[in-house]
Amino acid sequence: MNETDEQFMRIAIERAAAAIEFDEVPIGACLVDENGEVVAASFNRTITDCDPTAHAEILALREAAKKIGNYRLTDTTLYTTIEPCVMCAGALVNARVKRLVYGAADERFGAVETLFRLCDNDSLNHRLEITSGVLAAECRKLMQDFFKVKRN
């Protein structure tokens, strides 16, 4: 973890916090190019968009691909507050994202390191560099606080 990773993770955390205003699960993501420019940033919108695929990571990938004009997002880094699920991890591999940085592990759905190793699996034609645990406590707290309110 470095200062740059923390800087971009804070953007993902800001997006995650914005999701709460829409009563969405607070997961945020931002995609950064090789020059350190944020190409796209988003938060979960599954409820708002009535779309089960509208996870923060997927939305950031879609926005970036449109801006860049290519579905291959090589030489980019995706920052996300929570370890990606199977769908999002697969999309990162298919988009050829170079690096993934995530905050907190997802014990129930994590498909990068916790339950599966989709992003660096030797069987796949593309593997990502993975950095985990960046601002994990803050990322985890956003989720815990959100669900604590939901349960009460």
N, C-alpha and C. Protein backbone atom coordinates (compact mmCIF):
# COMPACT_ATOMS: atom_id res chain seq x y z
N MET A 1 0.86 -1.18 0.00
CA MET A 1 0.00 0.00 0.00
C MET A 1 0.90 1.23 0.00
N ASN A 2 0.49 2.21 -0.79
CA ASN A 2 1.25 3.45 -0.83
C ASN A 2 0.30 4.65 -0.77
N GLU A 3 0.88 5.81 -0.75
CA GLU A 3 0.08 7.04 -0.64
C GLU A 3 -0.88 7.21 -1.81
N THR A 4 -0.43 6.85 -3.00
CA THR A 4 -1.29 6.95 -4.18
C THR A 4 -2.48 6.02 -4.06
N ASP A 5 -2.24 4.78 -3.59
CA ASP A 5 -3.35 3.85 -3.40
C ASP A 5 -4.37 4.41 -2.41
N GLU A 6 -3.91 5.00 -1.35
CA GLU A 6 -4.82 5.60 -0.37
C GLU A 6 -5.60 6.75 -0.98
N GLN A 7 -4.94 7.57 -1.78
CA GLN A 7 -5.60 8.71 -2.42
C GLN A 7 -6.76 8.25 -3.29
N PHE A 8 -6.52 7.25 -4.13
CA PHE A 8 -7.58 6.78 -5.03
C PHE A 8 -8.63 5.97 -4.28
N MET A 9 -8.23 5.26 -3.22
CA MET A 9 -9.22 4.53 -2.43
C MET A 9 -10.16 5.52 -1.75
N ARG A 10 -9.67 6.69 -1.38
CA ARG A 10 -10.55 7.70 -0.77
C ARG A 10 -11.63 8.14 -1.77
N ILE A 11 -11.31 8.18 -3.04
CA ILE A 11 -12.32 8.50 -4.06
C ILE A 11 -13.37 7.39 -4.09
N ALA A 12 -12.93 6.15 -4.05
CA ALA A 12 -13.88 5.02 -4.03
C ALA A 12 -14.74 5.07 -2.78
N ILE A 13 -14.15 5.43 -1.65
CA ILE A 13 -14.90 5.55 -0.39
C ILE A 13 -15.94 6.67 -0.49
N GLU A 14 -15.57 7.78 -1.11
CA GLU A 14 -16.54 8.88 -1.32
C GLU A 14 -17.72 8.42 -2.16
N ARG A 15 -17.44 7.64 -3.20
CA ARG A 15 -18.51 7.12 -4.05
C ARG A 15 -19.38 6.14 -3.25
N ALA A 16 -18.76 5.32 -2.44
CA ALA A 16 -19.51 4.37 -1.61
C ALA A 16 -20.44 5.12 -0.66
N ALA A 17 -19.93 6.19 -0.05
CA ALA A 17 -20.76 6.98 0.87
C ALA A 17 -21.94 7.61 0.13
N ALA A 18 -21.73 8.00 -1.12
CA ALA A 18 -22.82 8.59 -1.93
C ALA A 18 -23.93 7.57 -2.18
N ALA A 19 -23.59 6.29 -2.22
CA ALA A 19 -24.59 5.25 -2.46
C ALA A 19 -25.64 5.21 -1.35
N ILE A 20 -25.23 5.56 -0.15
CA ILE A 20 -26.14 5.51 1.00
C ILE A 20 -27.33 6.44 0.79
N GLU A 21 -27.10 7.58 0.14
CA GLU A 21 -28.19 8.53 -0.14
C GLU A 21 -29.28 7.91 -0.99
N PHE A 22 -28.94 6.88 -1.76
CA PHE A 22 -29.88 6.20 -2.63
C PHE A 22 -30.33 4.87 -2.04
N ASP A 23 -29.98 4.65 -0.77
CA ASP A 23 -30.29 3.41 -0.07
C ASP A 23 -29.70 2.19 -0.78
N GLU A 24 -28.53 2.40 -1.39
CA GLU A 24 -27.79 1.34 -2.06
C GLU A 24 -26.68 0.84 -1.14
N VAL A 25 -26.30 -0.41 -1.30
CA VAL A 25 -25.18 -0.96 -0.53
C VAL A 25 -23.94 -0.10 -0.83
N PRO A 26 -23.27 0.40 0.20
CA PRO A 26 -22.18 1.36 -0.01
C PRO A 26 -20.86 0.74 -0.48
N ILE A 27 -20.83 0.46 -1.76
CA ILE A 27 -19.60 0.01 -2.41
C ILE A 27 -19.30 1.02 -3.50
N GLY A 28 -18.06 1.48 -3.52
CA GLY A 28 -17.63 2.45 -4.52
C GLY A 28 -16.41 1.96 -5.25
N ALA A 29 -16.23 2.49 -6.46
CA ALA A 29 -15.09 2.10 -7.28
C ALA A 29 -14.64 3.26 -8.14
N CYS A 30 -13.36 3.29 -8.46
CA CYS A 30 -12.86 4.24 -9.45
C CYS A 30 -11.77 3.56 -10.26
N LEU A 31 -11.72 3.91 -11.54
CA LEU A 31 -10.74 3.36 -12.45
C LEU A 31 -9.77 4.47 -12.83
N VAL A 32 -8.49 4.17 -12.71
CA VAL A 32 -7.43 5.15 -12.91
C VAL A 32 -6.53 4.68 -14.05
N ASP A 33 -6.17 5.61 -14.95
CA ASP A 33 -5.29 5.23 -16.06
C ASP A 33 -3.82 5.29 -15.65
N GLU A 34 -2.96 4.95 -16.57
CA GLU A 34 -1.53 4.86 -16.28
C GLU A 34 -0.90 6.21 -15.93
N ASN A 35 -1.60 7.31 -16.26
CA ASN A 35 -1.10 8.65 -15.94
C ASN A 35 -1.63 9.15 -14.60
N GLY A 36 -2.39 8.31 -13.90
CA GLY A 36 -2.93 8.71 -12.61
C GLY A 36 -4.18 9.56 -12.71
N GLU A 37 -4.85 9.51 -13.85
CA GLU A 37 -6.10 10.25 -14.05
C GLU A 37 -7.29 9.32 -13.78
N VAL A 38 -8.27 9.82 -13.04
CA VAL A 38 -9.49 9.04 -12.81
C VAL A 38 -10.31 9.06 -14.10
N VAL A 39 -10.52 7.89 -14.67
CA VAL A 39 -11.27 7.76 -15.92
C VAL A 39 -12.76 7.61 -15.62
N ALA A 40 -13.09 6.93 -14.52
CA ALA A 40 -14.49 6.69 -14.16
C ALA A 40 -14.57 6.39 -12.67
N ALA A 41 -15.70 6.75 -12.09
CA ALA A 41 -15.97 6.43 -10.68
C ALA A 41 -17.46 6.20 -10.52
N SER A 42 -17.81 5.24 -9.69
CA SER A 42 -19.23 4.91 -9.53
C SER A 42 -19.48 4.26 -8.18
N PHE A 43 -20.75 4.01 -7.92
CA PHE A 43 -21.17 3.27 -6.73
C PHE A 43 -22.27 2.31 -7.14
N ASN A 44 -22.57 1.38 -6.26
CA ASN A 44 -23.62 0.40 -6.55
C ASN A 44 -24.93 1.10 -6.89
N ARG A 45 -25.60 0.61 -7.94
CA ARG A 45 -26.90 1.16 -8.34
C ARG A 45 -27.87 0.04 -8.72
N THR A 46 -27.73 -1.11 -8.09
CA THR A 46 -28.60 -2.24 -8.47
C THR A 46 -30.07 -1.93 -8.23
N ILE A 47 -30.38 -1.27 -7.12
CA ILE A 47 -31.77 -0.95 -6.80
C ILE A 47 -32.24 0.22 -7.65
N THR A 48 -31.45 1.27 -7.70
CA THR A 48 -31.80 2.48 -8.46
C THR A 48 -32.04 2.17 -9.93
N ASP A 49 -31.15 1.37 -10.52
CA ASP A 49 -31.25 1.05 -11.93
C ASP A 49 -32.09 -0.20 -12.21
N CYS A 50 -32.53 -0.87 -11.15
CA CYS A 50 -33.26 -2.13 -11.29
C CYS A 50 -32.47 -3.09 -12.19
N ASP A 51 -31.17 -3.23 -11.83
CA ASP A 51 -30.24 -3.98 -12.66
C ASP A 51 -29.30 -4.76 -11.75
N PRO A 52 -29.40 -6.09 -11.75
CA PRO A 52 -28.54 -6.89 -10.87
C PRO A 52 -27.06 -6.79 -11.23
N THR A 53 -26.73 -6.28 -12.41
CA THR A 53 -25.32 -6.16 -12.79
C THR A 53 -24.76 -4.77 -12.50
N ALA A 54 -25.53 -3.89 -11.93
CA ALA A 54 -25.10 -2.50 -11.71
C ALA A 54 -24.25 -2.35 -10.44
N HIS A 55 -23.22 -3.18 -10.33
CA HIS A 55 -22.27 -3.06 -9.23
C HIS A 55 -21.32 -1.91 -9.55
N ALA A 56 -20.73 -1.33 -8.53
CA ALA A 56 -19.84 -0.18 -8.70
C ALA A 56 -18.73 -0.48 -9.71
N GLU A 57 -18.13 -1.66 -9.61
CA GLU A 57 -17.03 -2.01 -10.49
C GLU A 57 -17.48 -2.10 -11.95
N ILE A 58 -18.60 -2.73 -12.18
CA ILE A 58 -19.13 -2.89 -13.54
C ILE A 58 -19.45 -1.53 -14.13
N LEU A 59 -20.09 -0.67 -13.35
CA LEU A 59 -20.44 0.65 -13.85
C LEU A 59 -19.21 1.49 -14.18
N ALA A 60 -18.17 1.38 -13.36
CA ALA A 60 -16.93 2.10 -13.65
C ALA A 60 -16.29 1.56 -14.93
N LEU A 61 -16.28 0.24 -15.10
CA LEU A 61 -15.72 -0.35 -16.32
C LEU A 61 -16.50 0.10 -17.55
N ARG A 62 -17.82 0.10 -17.47
CA ARG A 62 -18.65 0.52 -18.61
C ARG A 62 -18.37 1.97 -18.99
N GLU A 63 -18.34 2.85 -17.98
CA GLU A 63 -18.10 4.27 -18.23
C GLU A 63 -16.72 4.48 -18.85
N ALA A 64 -15.72 3.82 -18.31
CA ALA A 64 -14.36 3.98 -18.81
C ALA A 64 -14.23 3.46 -20.25
N ALA A 65 -14.82 2.32 -20.53
CA ALA A 65 -14.74 1.75 -21.88
C ALA A 65 -15.36 2.69 -22.90
N LYS A 66 -16.47 3.31 -22.54
CA LYS A 66 -17.10 4.28 -23.45
C LYS A 66 -16.20 5.49 -23.66
N LYS A 67 -15.62 6.01 -22.59
CA LYS A 67 -14.74 7.17 -22.70
C LYS A 67 -13.51 6.87 -23.54
N ILE A 68 -12.91 5.72 -23.29
CA ILE A 68 -11.68 5.34 -23.98
C ILE A 68 -11.97 4.87 -25.41
N GLY A 69 -13.17 4.31 -25.60
CA GLY A 69 -13.52 3.78 -26.91
C GLY A 69 -12.98 2.38 -27.15
N ASN A 70 -12.79 1.65 -26.05
CA ASN A 70 -12.26 0.30 -26.17
C ASN A 70 -12.68 -0.49 -24.93
N TYR A 71 -13.11 -1.73 -25.12
CA TYR A 71 -13.49 -2.54 -23.97
C TYR A 71 -12.28 -3.07 -23.21
N ARG A 72 -11.13 -3.02 -23.83
CA ARG A 72 -9.90 -3.44 -23.16
C ARG A 72 -9.31 -2.24 -22.43
N LEU A 73 -9.25 -2.36 -21.13
CA LEU A 73 -8.81 -1.26 -20.28
C LEU A 73 -7.41 -1.55 -19.73
N THR A 74 -6.51 -1.88 -20.64
CA THR A 74 -5.15 -2.21 -20.25
C THR A 74 -4.48 -0.99 -19.61
N ASP A 75 -3.51 -1.24 -18.80
CA ASP A 75 -2.76 -0.18 -18.11
C ASP A 75 -3.64 0.68 -17.22
N THR A 76 -4.69 0.08 -16.66
CA THR A 76 -5.54 0.78 -15.70
C THR A 76 -5.51 0.05 -14.36
N THR A 77 -5.91 0.77 -13.34
CA THR A 77 -6.05 0.20 -12.00
C THR A 77 -7.46 0.49 -11.52
N LEU A 78 -8.12 -0.54 -11.02
CA LEU A 78 -9.44 -0.35 -10.42
C LEU A 78 -9.30 -0.37 -8.90
N TYR A 79 -9.84 0.66 -8.27
CA TYR A 79 -9.90 0.76 -6.81
C TYR A 79 -11.34 0.51 -6.41
N THR A 80 -11.55 -0.40 -5.47
CA THR A 80 -12.91 -0.67 -5.00
C THR A 80 -12.87 -0.93 -3.49
N THR A 81 -13.93 -0.52 -2.82
CA THR A 81 -13.95 -0.56 -1.37
C THR A 81 -14.06 -1.96 -0.80
N ILE A 82 -14.67 -2.86 -1.56
CA ILE A 82 -14.90 -4.23 -1.09
C ILE A 82 -14.37 -5.21 -2.15
N GLU A 83 -13.86 -6.31 -1.71
CA GLU A 83 -13.37 -7.35 -2.62
C GLU A 83 -14.46 -7.70 -3.64
N PRO A 84 -14.14 -7.67 -4.93
CA PRO A 84 -15.14 -7.95 -5.96
C PRO A 84 -15.74 -9.36 -5.90
N CYS A 85 -16.99 -9.44 -6.34
CA CYS A 85 -17.71 -10.70 -6.45
C CYS A 85 -17.27 -11.42 -7.72
N VAL A 86 -17.83 -12.59 -7.97
CA VAL A 86 -17.49 -13.39 -9.15
C VAL A 86 -17.74 -12.60 -10.43
N MET A 87 -18.89 -11.96 -10.55
CA MET A 87 -19.23 -11.21 -11.75
C MET A 87 -18.22 -10.10 -12.01
N CYS A 88 -17.93 -9.33 -10.98
CA CYS A 88 -17.02 -8.19 -11.13
C CYS A 88 -15.58 -8.65 -11.37
N ALA A 89 -15.15 -9.68 -10.67
CA ALA A 89 -13.80 -10.21 -10.88
C ALA A 89 -13.65 -10.71 -12.32
N GLY A 90 -14.67 -11.40 -12.82
CA GLY A 90 -14.62 -11.86 -14.21
C GLY A 90 -14.58 -10.71 -15.19
N ALA A 91 -15.32 -9.66 -14.92
CA ALA A 91 -15.31 -8.49 -15.80
C ALA A 91 -13.95 -7.81 -15.81
N LEU A 92 -13.28 -7.77 -14.65
CA LEU A 92 -11.95 -7.18 -14.58
C LEU A 92 -10.96 -7.96 -15.45
N VAL A 93 -11.06 -9.28 -15.41
CA VAL A 93 -10.20 -10.13 -16.24
C VAL A 93 -10.51 -9.88 -17.71
N ASN A 94 -11.79 -9.88 -18.07
CA ASN A 94 -12.17 -9.69 -19.47
C ASN A 94 -11.80 -8.32 -20.00
N ALA A 95 -11.80 -7.31 -19.14
CA ALA A 95 -11.44 -5.95 -19.54
C ALA A 95 -9.93 -5.76 -19.59
N ARG A 96 -9.19 -6.76 -19.13
CA ARG A 96 -7.72 -6.71 -19.12
C ARG A 96 -7.17 -5.59 -18.23
N VAL A 97 -7.89 -5.30 -17.14
CA VAL A 97 -7.41 -4.33 -16.17
C VAL A 97 -6.07 -4.83 -15.64
N LYS A 98 -5.11 -3.94 -15.49
CA LYS A 98 -3.77 -4.34 -15.08
C LYS A 98 -3.69 -4.66 -13.59
N ARG A 99 -4.37 -3.82 -12.79
CA ARG A 99 -4.20 -3.93 -11.34
C ARG A 99 -5.52 -3.69 -10.62
N LEU A 100 -5.73 -4.42 -9.55
CA LEU A 100 -6.89 -4.25 -8.68
C LEU A 100 -6.40 -3.91 -7.28
N VAL A 101 -7.00 -2.87 -6.72
CA VAL A 101 -6.73 -2.49 -5.33
C VAL A 101 -8.08 -2.47 -4.62
N TYR A 102 -8.21 -3.26 -3.55
CA TYR A 102 -9.48 -3.23 -2.82
C TYR A 102 -9.24 -3.04 -1.34
N GLY A 103 -10.31 -2.58 -0.69
CA GLY A 103 -10.25 -2.30 0.74
C GLY A 103 -10.46 -3.55 1.57
N ALA A 104 -11.71 -3.81 1.94
CA ALA A 104 -12.04 -4.91 2.83
C ALA A 104 -12.37 -6.19 2.07
N ALA A 105 -11.98 -7.30 2.65
CA ALA A 105 -12.34 -8.61 2.10
C ALA A 105 -13.85 -8.82 2.25
N ASP A 106 -14.41 -9.63 1.36
CA ASP A 106 -15.83 -9.98 1.44
C ASP A 106 -15.92 -11.47 1.75
N GLU A 107 -16.21 -11.77 3.00
CA GLU A 107 -16.23 -13.16 3.47
C GLU A 107 -17.31 -14.01 2.79
N ARG A 108 -18.38 -13.36 2.33
CA ARG A 108 -19.49 -14.11 1.73
C ARG A 108 -19.39 -14.26 0.22
N PHE A 109 -18.86 -13.22 -0.46
CA PHE A 109 -18.89 -13.24 -1.92
C PHE A 109 -17.54 -12.96 -2.59
N GLY A 110 -16.50 -12.76 -1.82
CA GLY A 110 -15.20 -12.36 -2.37
C GLY A 110 -14.63 -13.37 -3.35
N ALA A 111 -14.41 -12.94 -4.58
CA ALA A 111 -13.94 -13.86 -5.62
C ALA A 111 -12.51 -13.58 -6.08
N VAL A 112 -11.81 -12.72 -5.35
CA VAL A 112 -10.44 -12.38 -5.72
C VAL A 112 -9.43 -13.14 -4.87
N GLU A 113 -9.69 -13.20 -3.57
CA GLU A 113 -8.79 -13.92 -2.67
C GLU A 113 -9.54 -14.76 -1.64
N THR A 114 -10.71 -14.32 -1.20
CA THR A 114 -11.39 -14.98 -0.09
C THR A 114 -11.98 -16.35 -0.46
N LEU A 115 -12.84 -16.40 -1.46
CA LEU A 115 -13.47 -17.66 -1.85
C LEU A 115 -12.86 -18.27 -3.11
N PHE A 116 -12.51 -17.42 -4.04
CA PHE A 116 -11.95 -17.86 -5.32
C PHE A 116 -10.74 -16.99 -5.63
N ARG A 117 -10.01 -17.37 -6.63
CA ARG A 117 -8.86 -16.56 -7.07
C ARG A 117 -9.02 -16.30 -8.57
N LEU A 118 -10.08 -15.59 -8.91
CA LEU A 118 -10.37 -15.36 -10.33
C LEU A 118 -9.42 -14.37 -10.99
N CYS A 119 -8.92 -13.41 -10.26
CA CYS A 119 -8.12 -12.36 -10.89
C CYS A 119 -6.67 -12.72 -11.12
N ASP A 120 -6.19 -13.77 -10.50
CA ASP A 120 -4.80 -14.19 -10.75
C ASP A 120 -4.71 -15.71 -10.96
N ASN A 121 -5.77 -16.26 -11.53
CA ASN A 121 -5.84 -17.69 -11.78
C ASN A 121 -5.00 -18.07 -13.01
N ASP A 122 -4.12 -19.03 -12.83
CA ASP A 122 -3.24 -19.47 -13.92
C ASP A 122 -4.00 -20.05 -15.11
N SER A 123 -5.24 -20.47 -14.92
CA SER A 123 -6.02 -21.07 -16.00
C SER A 123 -6.56 -20.02 -16.97
N LEU A 124 -6.56 -18.76 -16.56
CA LEU A 124 -7.13 -17.70 -17.39
C LEU A 124 -6.04 -17.03 -18.22
N ASN A 125 -6.48 -16.37 -19.30
CA ASN A 125 -5.52 -15.76 -20.21
C ASN A 125 -5.01 -14.39 -19.74
N HIS A 126 -5.57 -13.86 -18.68
CA HIS A 126 -5.12 -12.57 -18.14
C HIS A 126 -5.16 -12.65 -16.62
N ARG A 127 -4.14 -12.09 -16.01
CA ARG A 127 -4.08 -12.04 -14.55
C ARG A 127 -3.79 -10.61 -14.11
N LEU A 128 -4.40 -10.21 -13.02
CA LEU A 128 -4.22 -8.87 -12.49
C LEU A 128 -3.23 -8.88 -11.33
N GLU A 129 -2.56 -7.77 -11.15
CA GLU A 129 -1.81 -7.54 -9.92
C GLU A 129 -2.86 -7.19 -8.87
N ILE A 130 -2.72 -7.70 -7.66
CA ILE A 130 -3.72 -7.49 -6.62
C ILE A 130 -3.06 -6.90 -5.38
N THR A 131 -3.68 -5.83 -4.88
CA THR A 131 -3.31 -5.24 -3.59
C THR A 131 -4.58 -5.18 -2.76
N SER A 132 -4.56 -5.79 -1.60
CA SER A 132 -5.76 -5.80 -0.76
C SER A 132 -5.48 -5.10 0.57
N GLY A 133 -6.56 -4.74 1.25
CA GLY A 133 -6.45 -4.18 2.59
C GLY A 133 -6.19 -2.69 2.66
N VAL A 134 -6.31 -1.97 1.55
CA VAL A 134 -6.07 -0.53 1.55
C VAL A 134 -7.27 0.17 2.20
N LEU A 135 -7.02 0.84 3.31
CA LEU A 135 -8.06 1.52 4.10
C LEU A 135 -9.21 0.55 4.43
N ALA A 136 -8.85 -0.68 4.69
CA ALA A 136 -9.84 -1.74 4.93
C ALA A 136 -10.80 -1.41 6.07
N ALA A 137 -10.30 -0.86 7.16
CA ALA A 137 -11.16 -0.57 8.31
C ALA A 137 -12.25 0.43 7.93
N GLU A 138 -11.89 1.47 7.18
CA GLU A 138 -12.89 2.46 6.76
C GLU A 138 -13.92 1.84 5.82
N CYS A 139 -13.44 1.03 4.89
CA CYS A 139 -14.33 0.39 3.93
C CYS A 139 -15.30 -0.56 4.63
N ARG A 140 -14.77 -1.34 5.56
CA ARG A 140 -15.60 -2.29 6.32
C ARG A 140 -16.62 -1.56 7.17
N LYS A 141 -16.21 -0.45 7.79
CA LYS A 141 -17.11 0.31 8.66
C LYS A 141 -18.30 0.88 7.89
N LEU A 142 -18.07 1.35 6.68
CA LEU A 142 -19.17 1.84 5.85
C LEU A 142 -20.23 0.75 5.68
N MET A 143 -19.78 -0.45 5.37
CA MET A 143 -20.71 -1.57 5.18
C MET A 143 -21.41 -1.94 6.49
N GLN A 144 -20.64 -2.06 7.56
CA GLN A 144 -21.20 -2.45 8.85
C GLN A 144 -22.23 -1.44 9.33
N ASP A 145 -21.91 -0.16 9.22
CA ASP A 145 -22.85 0.88 9.66
C ASP A 145 -24.13 0.86 8.83
N PHE A 146 -23.99 0.66 7.53
CA PHE A 146 -25.15 0.61 6.63
C PHE A 146 -26.08 -0.53 7.03
N PHE A 147 -25.52 -1.71 7.23
CA PHE A 147 -26.36 -2.86 7.55
C PHE A 147 -26.87 -2.83 8.98
N LYS A 148 -26.17 -2.18 9.87
CA LYS A 148 -26.64 -2.02 11.25
C LYS A 148 -27.94 -1.19 11.24
N VAL A 149 -27.96 -0.14 10.46
CA VAL A 149 -29.16 0.70 10.33
C VAL A 149 -30.30 -0.11 9.68
N LYS A 150 -29.98 -0.90 8.69
CA LYS A 150 -30.98 -1.72 8.01
C LYS A 150 -31.64 -2.73 8.95
N ARG A 151 -30.86 -3.28 9.87
CA ARG A 151 -31.38 -4.30 10.79
C ARG A 151 -32.25 -3.71 11.87
N ASN A 152 -32.07 -2.44 12.18
CA ASN A 152 -32.84 -1.80 13.28
C ASN A 152 -34.15 -1.26 12.81
